[in-house]
N, C-alpha and C. Protein backbone atom coordinates (compact mmCIF):
# COMPACT_ATOMS: atom_id res chain seq x y z
N UNK A 1 -20.12 -20.83 13.83
CA UNK A 1 -19.28 -21.68 13.66
C UNK A 1 -19.08 -22.85 14.79
N UNK A 2 -19.59 -22.69 15.99
CA UNK A 2 -19.47 -23.58 16.99
C UNK A 2 -20.55 -24.82 16.53
N UNK A 3 -21.68 -24.35 15.93
CA UNK A 3 -22.81 -25.24 15.69
C UNK A 3 -22.34 -26.06 14.55
N UNK A 4 -21.57 -25.69 13.71
CA UNK A 4 -21.19 -26.44 12.44
C UNK A 4 -19.95 -27.35 12.85
N UNK A 5 -19.10 -26.89 14.08
CA UNK A 5 -17.97 -27.60 14.58
C UNK A 5 -16.73 -27.06 13.64
N UNK A 6 -16.79 -26.07 12.72
CA UNK A 6 -15.65 -25.65 12.13
C UNK A 6 -15.78 -23.98 11.85
N UNK A 7 -14.72 -23.46 11.88
CA UNK A 7 -14.43 -22.12 11.65
C UNK A 7 -12.99 -21.58 11.90
N UNK A 8 -12.89 -20.54 11.03
CA UNK A 8 -11.50 -19.87 11.01
C UNK A 8 -11.70 -18.30 11.41
N UNK A 9 -10.96 -17.88 12.38
CA UNK A 9 -10.97 -16.46 12.73
C UNK A 9 -9.46 -15.98 12.45
N UNK A 10 -9.35 -15.19 11.40
CA UNK A 10 -8.31 -14.58 11.19
C UNK A 10 -8.00 -13.16 11.31
N UNK A 11 -7.23 -12.82 12.17
CA UNK A 11 -7.08 -11.33 12.70
C UNK A 11 -5.87 -10.83 11.89
N UNK A 12 -6.02 -9.55 11.20
CA UNK A 12 -4.83 -9.06 10.70
C UNK A 12 -4.31 -8.09 11.70
N UNK A 13 -2.97 -8.67 12.28
CA UNK A 13 -2.35 -7.90 13.42
C UNK A 13 -1.35 -7.09 12.64
N UNK A 14 0.01 -7.09 13.10
CA UNK A 14 1.06 -6.41 12.53
C UNK A 14 2.29 -7.13 13.27
N UNK A 15 3.48 -6.63 12.83
CA UNK A 15 4.73 -6.75 13.46
C UNK A 15 4.70 -6.10 14.70
N UNK A 16 4.00 -5.12 14.65
CA UNK A 16 3.86 -4.17 15.73
C UNK A 16 2.82 -4.91 16.93
N UNK A 17 2.25 -5.89 16.69
CA UNK A 17 1.62 -6.57 17.63
C UNK A 17 2.77 -7.67 18.46
N UNK A 18 3.82 -7.71 17.88
CA UNK A 18 4.80 -8.52 18.45
C UNK A 18 6.07 -7.75 18.83
N UNK A 19 6.17 -6.57 18.41
CA UNK A 19 7.38 -5.67 18.46
C UNK A 19 6.76 -4.42 18.84
N UNK A 20 7.49 -3.54 19.63
CA UNK A 20 7.15 -2.14 19.78
C UNK A 20 8.03 -1.31 18.92
N UNK A 21 7.43 -0.19 18.46
CA UNK A 21 8.34 0.80 17.83
C UNK A 21 7.92 2.38 18.41
N UNK A 22 8.95 3.19 18.50
CA UNK A 22 8.61 4.55 18.98
C UNK A 22 7.68 5.14 17.94
N UNK A 23 6.97 6.18 18.47
CA UNK A 23 5.77 7.00 17.93
C UNK A 23 4.59 6.32 17.64
N UNK A 24 4.24 5.19 18.08
CA UNK A 24 3.21 4.40 17.62
C UNK A 24 2.65 3.95 18.80
N UNK A 25 2.44 4.56 20.06
CA UNK A 25 1.93 3.84 21.31
C UNK A 25 0.53 3.40 21.23
N UNK A 26 -0.47 3.94 20.35
CA UNK A 26 -1.92 3.56 20.32
C UNK A 26 -1.91 2.39 19.44
N UNK A 27 -1.30 2.52 18.37
CA UNK A 27 -1.09 1.33 17.36
C UNK A 27 -0.53 -0.01 17.91
N UNK A 28 0.54 0.25 18.61
CA UNK A 28 1.12 -0.80 19.23
C UNK A 28 0.24 -1.47 20.18
N UNK A 29 -0.30 -0.69 21.14
CA UNK A 29 -1.18 -1.26 22.11
C UNK A 29 -2.44 -1.83 21.63
N UNK A 30 -3.11 -1.44 20.63
CA UNK A 30 -4.29 -2.15 19.99
C UNK A 30 -3.81 -3.34 19.41
N UNK A 31 -2.67 -3.36 18.75
CA UNK A 31 -2.15 -4.80 18.02
C UNK A 31 -1.86 -5.69 18.91
N UNK A 32 -1.16 -5.33 20.22
CA UNK A 32 -0.97 -6.22 21.28
C UNK A 32 -2.22 -6.84 21.88
N UNK A 33 -3.22 -5.92 22.04
CA UNK A 33 -4.57 -6.28 22.31
C UNK A 33 -5.20 -7.34 21.64
N UNK A 34 -5.11 -7.15 20.20
CA UNK A 34 -5.80 -8.10 19.24
C UNK A 34 -5.10 -9.33 19.31
N UNK A 35 -3.53 -9.45 19.70
CA UNK A 35 -3.08 -10.82 19.74
C UNK A 35 -3.69 -11.53 20.80
N UNK A 36 -3.71 -10.76 22.11
CA UNK A 36 -4.31 -11.43 23.24
C UNK A 36 -5.70 -12.09 23.10
N UNK A 37 -6.36 -11.19 22.42
CA UNK A 37 -7.88 -11.45 21.94
C UNK A 37 -7.82 -12.84 21.15
N UNK A 38 -7.08 -12.87 20.16
CA UNK A 38 -7.09 -13.90 19.27
C UNK A 38 -6.57 -15.09 19.87
N UNK A 39 -5.58 -15.17 20.79
CA UNK A 39 -5.25 -16.25 21.71
C UNK A 39 -6.26 -17.05 22.52
N UNK A 40 -7.10 -15.90 22.95
CA UNK A 40 -8.16 -16.47 24.07
C UNK A 40 -9.12 -17.22 23.12
N UNK A 41 -9.55 -16.46 21.86
CA UNK A 41 -10.43 -17.18 21.04
C UNK A 41 -9.90 -18.41 20.48
N UNK A 42 -8.71 -18.54 20.42
CA UNK A 42 -8.28 -19.99 19.98
C UNK A 42 -8.21 -21.10 21.02
N UNK A 43 -8.21 -20.48 22.29
CA UNK A 43 -8.36 -21.28 23.54
C UNK A 43 -9.85 -21.77 23.64
N UNK A 44 -10.64 -20.84 23.44
CA UNK A 44 -12.00 -21.21 23.57
C UNK A 44 -12.73 -21.92 22.57
N UNK A 45 -12.27 -21.66 21.21
CA UNK A 45 -12.78 -22.17 20.17
C UNK A 45 -12.34 -23.40 19.66
N UNK A 46 -11.10 -23.55 20.06
CA UNK A 46 -10.16 -24.97 19.65
C UNK A 46 -11.00 -26.23 19.75
N UNK A 47 -11.62 -26.49 21.04
CA UNK A 47 -12.37 -27.64 21.19
C UNK A 47 -13.50 -27.77 20.62
N UNK A 48 -13.93 -26.64 19.87
CA UNK A 48 -15.26 -26.64 19.07
C UNK A 48 -14.90 -26.64 17.62
N UNK A 49 -13.67 -26.75 17.17
CA UNK A 49 -13.31 -26.96 15.84
C UNK A 49 -12.87 -25.51 15.21
N UNK A 50 -12.87 -24.53 15.82
CA UNK A 50 -12.75 -23.20 15.49
C UNK A 50 -11.31 -22.58 15.71
N UNK A 51 -10.55 -22.31 15.07
CA UNK A 51 -9.23 -21.74 15.25
C UNK A 51 -9.16 -20.25 14.94
N UNK A 52 -8.30 -19.67 15.70
CA UNK A 52 -7.98 -18.26 15.70
C UNK A 52 -6.59 -17.86 15.59
N UNK A 53 -6.31 -17.30 14.55
CA UNK A 53 -4.86 -16.86 14.33
C UNK A 53 -4.57 -15.46 14.04
N UNK A 54 -3.42 -14.81 14.15
CA UNK A 54 -2.98 -13.73 13.69
C UNK A 54 -2.13 -13.59 12.46
N UNK A 55 -2.17 -12.79 11.67
CA UNK A 55 -1.00 -12.69 10.47
C UNK A 55 -0.44 -11.07 10.83
N UNK A 56 0.77 -11.40 10.93
CA UNK A 56 1.45 -10.07 11.50
C UNK A 56 2.56 -9.64 10.25
N UNK A 57 2.13 -8.77 9.41
CA UNK A 57 2.80 -8.23 8.42
C UNK A 57 3.80 -7.02 8.90
N UNK A 58 4.74 -6.71 8.13
CA UNK A 58 5.49 -5.52 8.41
C UNK A 58 4.46 -4.67 7.60
N UNK A 59 5.06 -3.57 7.07
CA UNK A 59 4.47 -2.59 6.43
C UNK A 59 3.96 -2.94 4.93
N UNK A 60 2.65 -3.07 5.01
CA UNK A 60 1.95 -3.49 3.68
C UNK A 60 1.65 -2.15 2.76
N UNK A 61 1.61 -2.40 1.49
CA UNK A 61 1.50 -1.39 0.60
C UNK A 61 0.17 -1.09 0.44
N UNK A 62 -0.42 -0.13 1.37
CA UNK A 62 -1.73 0.02 1.42
C UNK A 62 -1.79 1.63 1.53
N UNK A 63 -3.18 2.20 1.20
CA UNK A 63 -3.17 3.67 1.32
C UNK A 63 -2.82 4.18 2.78
N UNK A 64 -3.10 3.57 3.70
CA UNK A 64 -2.69 3.69 5.19
C UNK A 64 -1.20 4.28 5.36
N UNK A 65 -0.44 3.14 4.64
CA UNK A 65 0.99 3.24 4.86
C UNK A 65 1.68 4.41 3.85
N UNK A 66 0.97 4.38 2.60
CA UNK A 66 1.38 5.56 1.79
C UNK A 66 1.01 7.04 2.41
N UNK A 67 0.00 7.04 3.09
CA UNK A 67 -0.18 8.46 3.66
C UNK A 67 0.58 8.62 5.06
N UNK A 68 1.21 7.55 5.59
CA UNK A 68 2.25 7.81 6.67
C UNK A 68 3.29 8.39 6.10
N UNK A 69 3.80 8.32 4.94
CA UNK A 69 5.16 8.82 4.48
C UNK A 69 5.33 10.12 4.65
N UNK A 70 4.54 11.02 4.36
CA UNK A 70 4.94 12.59 4.73
C UNK A 70 4.97 12.74 6.22
N UNK A 71 4.08 12.17 7.09
CA UNK A 71 4.31 12.18 8.51
C UNK A 71 5.58 11.67 9.00
N UNK A 72 6.09 10.55 8.55
CA UNK A 72 7.23 9.93 9.02
C UNK A 72 8.42 10.76 8.40
N UNK A 73 8.37 11.44 7.31
CA UNK A 73 9.41 12.35 6.82
C UNK A 73 9.59 13.38 7.73
N UNK A 74 8.49 14.06 8.14
CA UNK A 74 8.32 15.16 9.25
C UNK A 74 9.09 14.88 10.44
N UNK A 75 8.52 13.78 11.02
CA UNK A 75 8.99 13.20 12.37
C UNK A 75 10.45 12.97 12.36
N UNK A 76 10.88 12.32 11.44
CA UNK A 76 12.43 11.86 11.27
C UNK A 76 13.43 12.85 10.55
N UNK A 77 12.83 13.85 9.96
CA UNK A 77 13.58 14.75 9.42
C UNK A 77 14.42 14.33 8.17
N UNK A 78 13.58 13.56 7.25
CA UNK A 78 14.09 13.07 5.87
C UNK A 78 13.24 13.35 4.97
N UNK A 79 13.95 13.24 3.79
CA UNK A 79 12.89 13.58 2.37
C UNK A 79 11.77 12.38 2.36
N UNK A 80 10.67 12.63 1.96
CA UNK A 80 9.68 11.60 1.75
C UNK A 80 10.17 10.43 0.96
N UNK A 81 11.07 10.84 0.01
CA UNK A 81 11.50 9.71 -0.98
C UNK A 81 12.38 8.77 -0.19
N UNK A 82 12.97 9.05 0.92
CA UNK A 82 13.80 8.23 1.55
C UNK A 82 13.12 7.53 2.84
N UNK A 83 11.93 7.84 3.08
CA UNK A 83 11.04 7.16 4.34
C UNK A 83 11.00 5.69 4.22
N UNK A 84 10.49 5.21 2.89
CA UNK A 84 10.31 3.92 2.95
C UNK A 84 11.83 3.01 3.14
N UNK A 85 12.84 3.33 2.67
CA UNK A 85 14.14 2.81 2.72
C UNK A 85 14.75 3.03 4.06
N UNK A 86 14.68 4.17 4.64
CA UNK A 86 15.44 4.59 5.73
C UNK A 86 14.69 4.74 7.11
N UNK A 87 13.31 4.47 7.03
CA UNK A 87 12.63 4.40 8.19
C UNK A 87 11.65 3.16 8.37
N UNK A 88 10.98 2.86 7.25
CA UNK A 88 10.09 1.70 7.27
C UNK A 88 10.85 0.28 7.17
N UNK A 89 11.77 0.33 6.49
CA UNK A 89 12.57 -1.06 6.08
C UNK A 89 13.87 -1.30 6.86
N UNK A 90 14.07 -0.37 7.88
CA UNK A 90 15.40 -0.56 8.44
C UNK A 90 15.49 -2.02 9.23
N UNK A 91 14.51 -2.29 9.80
CA UNK A 91 14.45 -3.44 10.40
C UNK A 91 14.45 -4.95 9.80
N UNK A 92 13.88 -4.72 8.45
CA UNK A 92 13.64 -6.04 7.62
C UNK A 92 14.67 -6.33 7.02
N UNK A 93 15.04 -7.56 6.82
CA UNK A 93 16.21 -8.11 5.94
C UNK A 93 15.81 -8.14 4.47
N UNK A 94 14.40 -8.31 4.27
CA UNK A 94 13.79 -8.08 2.92
C UNK A 94 13.42 -6.73 2.70
N UNK A 95 13.98 -5.92 1.82
CA UNK A 95 13.80 -4.58 1.62
C UNK A 95 12.97 -4.17 0.73
N UNK A 96 11.44 -4.52 1.08
CA UNK A 96 10.36 -4.01 0.33
C UNK A 96 9.31 -4.13 1.10
N UNK A 97 7.95 -3.51 0.68
CA UNK A 97 6.94 -3.51 1.39
C UNK A 97 6.10 -4.67 1.14
N UNK A 98 5.27 -5.33 1.97
CA UNK A 98 4.47 -6.48 1.77
C UNK A 98 3.37 -6.13 0.97
N UNK A 99 2.98 -6.76 0.00
CA UNK A 99 1.83 -6.52 -0.95
C UNK A 99 0.61 -7.23 -0.52
N UNK A 100 -0.61 -6.33 -0.53
CA UNK A 100 -1.71 -6.88 0.04
C UNK A 100 -2.03 -8.45 -0.39
N UNK A 101 -1.82 -8.59 -1.57
CA UNK A 101 -2.12 -10.04 -2.17
C UNK A 101 -1.17 -10.98 -1.25
N UNK A 102 -0.34 -10.73 -0.74
CA UNK A 102 0.39 -11.81 0.02
C UNK A 102 -0.26 -12.02 1.43
N UNK A 103 -0.77 -10.93 1.89
CA UNK A 103 -1.44 -11.16 3.05
C UNK A 103 -2.80 -11.87 2.98
N UNK A 104 -3.53 -11.73 1.71
CA UNK A 104 -4.49 -12.50 1.27
C UNK A 104 -4.19 -14.05 1.10
N UNK A 105 -3.24 -14.22 0.62
CA UNK A 105 -2.70 -15.51 0.51
C UNK A 105 -2.69 -16.28 1.49
N UNK A 106 -1.98 -15.64 2.67
CA UNK A 106 -1.74 -16.20 3.84
C UNK A 106 -3.21 -16.67 4.56
N UNK A 107 -4.04 -15.69 4.34
CA UNK A 107 -5.24 -15.82 4.91
C UNK A 107 -5.95 -17.08 4.47
N UNK A 108 -5.88 -17.23 3.03
CA UNK A 108 -6.31 -18.26 2.52
C UNK A 108 -5.96 -19.61 3.05
N UNK A 109 -4.46 -19.41 3.21
CA UNK A 109 -3.84 -20.68 3.57
C UNK A 109 -4.38 -21.10 4.81
N UNK A 110 -4.57 -20.09 5.81
CA UNK A 110 -5.24 -20.44 7.09
C UNK A 110 -6.58 -21.06 7.04
N UNK A 111 -7.14 -21.00 6.03
CA UNK A 111 -8.41 -21.38 5.82
C UNK A 111 -8.45 -22.89 5.20
N UNK A 112 -7.35 -23.38 4.70
CA UNK A 112 -7.10 -24.70 4.18
C UNK A 112 -6.97 -25.75 4.95
N UNK A 113 -7.26 -26.80 4.61
CA UNK A 113 -6.97 -28.28 5.30
C UNK A 113 -5.59 -28.13 5.80
N UNK A 114 -4.57 -27.68 5.32
CA UNK A 114 -3.16 -27.73 5.60
C UNK A 114 -2.90 -27.02 6.82
N UNK A 115 -3.93 -26.24 7.16
CA UNK A 115 -3.71 -25.15 8.27
C UNK A 115 -4.47 -25.69 9.57
N UNK A 116 -5.08 -26.84 9.45
CA UNK A 116 -6.35 -27.37 10.37
C UNK A 116 -5.62 -27.25 11.92
N UNK A 117 -4.23 -27.63 12.00
CA UNK A 117 -3.70 -27.69 13.52
C UNK A 117 -2.98 -26.41 13.65
N UNK A 118 -3.23 -25.24 12.97
CA UNK A 118 -2.49 -24.00 13.41
C UNK A 118 -3.69 -23.03 14.12
N UNK A 119 -3.29 -22.85 15.30
CA UNK A 119 -4.23 -22.24 16.23
C UNK A 119 -3.55 -21.61 17.33
N UNK A 120 -4.08 -20.20 17.44
CA UNK A 120 -3.33 -19.22 18.42
C UNK A 120 -2.06 -18.93 18.06
N UNK A 121 -1.67 -18.92 16.72
CA UNK A 121 -0.51 -18.52 16.39
C UNK A 121 -0.50 -17.09 15.94
N UNK A 122 0.93 -16.44 15.80
CA UNK A 122 1.00 -15.39 15.19
C UNK A 122 1.91 -15.38 14.19
N UNK A 123 1.43 -15.53 12.80
CA UNK A 123 2.19 -15.85 11.56
C UNK A 123 2.86 -14.62 11.19
N UNK A 124 4.14 -14.46 11.02
CA UNK A 124 4.99 -13.21 10.67
C UNK A 124 4.97 -13.13 9.30
N UNK A 125 4.91 -12.12 8.60
CA UNK A 125 5.39 -11.62 7.30
C UNK A 125 6.15 -10.34 7.18
N UNK A 126 7.25 -10.44 7.88
CA UNK A 126 7.83 -9.28 8.40
C UNK A 126 9.16 -9.11 7.68
N UNK A 127 9.59 -10.00 6.67
CA UNK A 127 10.91 -9.82 6.09
C UNK A 127 12.13 -10.08 7.00
N UNK A 128 11.90 -10.93 8.03
CA UNK A 128 12.92 -11.10 8.85
C UNK A 128 13.27 -10.16 10.10
N UNK A 129 12.14 -9.24 10.36
CA UNK A 129 12.42 -8.22 11.30
C UNK A 129 12.75 -8.74 12.73
N UNK A 130 12.27 -9.80 13.31
CA UNK A 130 12.38 -10.34 14.60
C UNK A 130 13.90 -10.92 14.44
N UNK A 131 14.59 -11.33 13.37
CA UNK A 131 15.84 -12.08 13.23
C UNK A 131 16.88 -11.29 13.89
N UNK A 132 16.73 -10.07 13.83
CA UNK A 132 17.73 -9.21 14.52
C UNK A 132 18.30 -9.50 15.99
């Protein structure tokens, strides 16, 4: 990328890279670390035409999230049918999971000419979680 004078580093972080939640210390710590790494790459790569950004979605409809439902139900003492609404979506203003295609579209945007000056950013796709 440096040789060509152009490149895009896109890290998939999480709302948990910007906010902490109970019961997730390792995940939150890893995502906070990724945020710092991405910003360092942005500073080092920017002068060479390489940008680095994080996409920070809330819960994305993936097998990982689907597999968390039973664990969350047990941890919080609620039926599995209520986990998404009562546990995962309590902080968001938009009450649905993020679709994987939405994250992919954000990544494609970050590769576009329109995003050429976005560097060192953490772009949230969290349904308004930090608006609280």
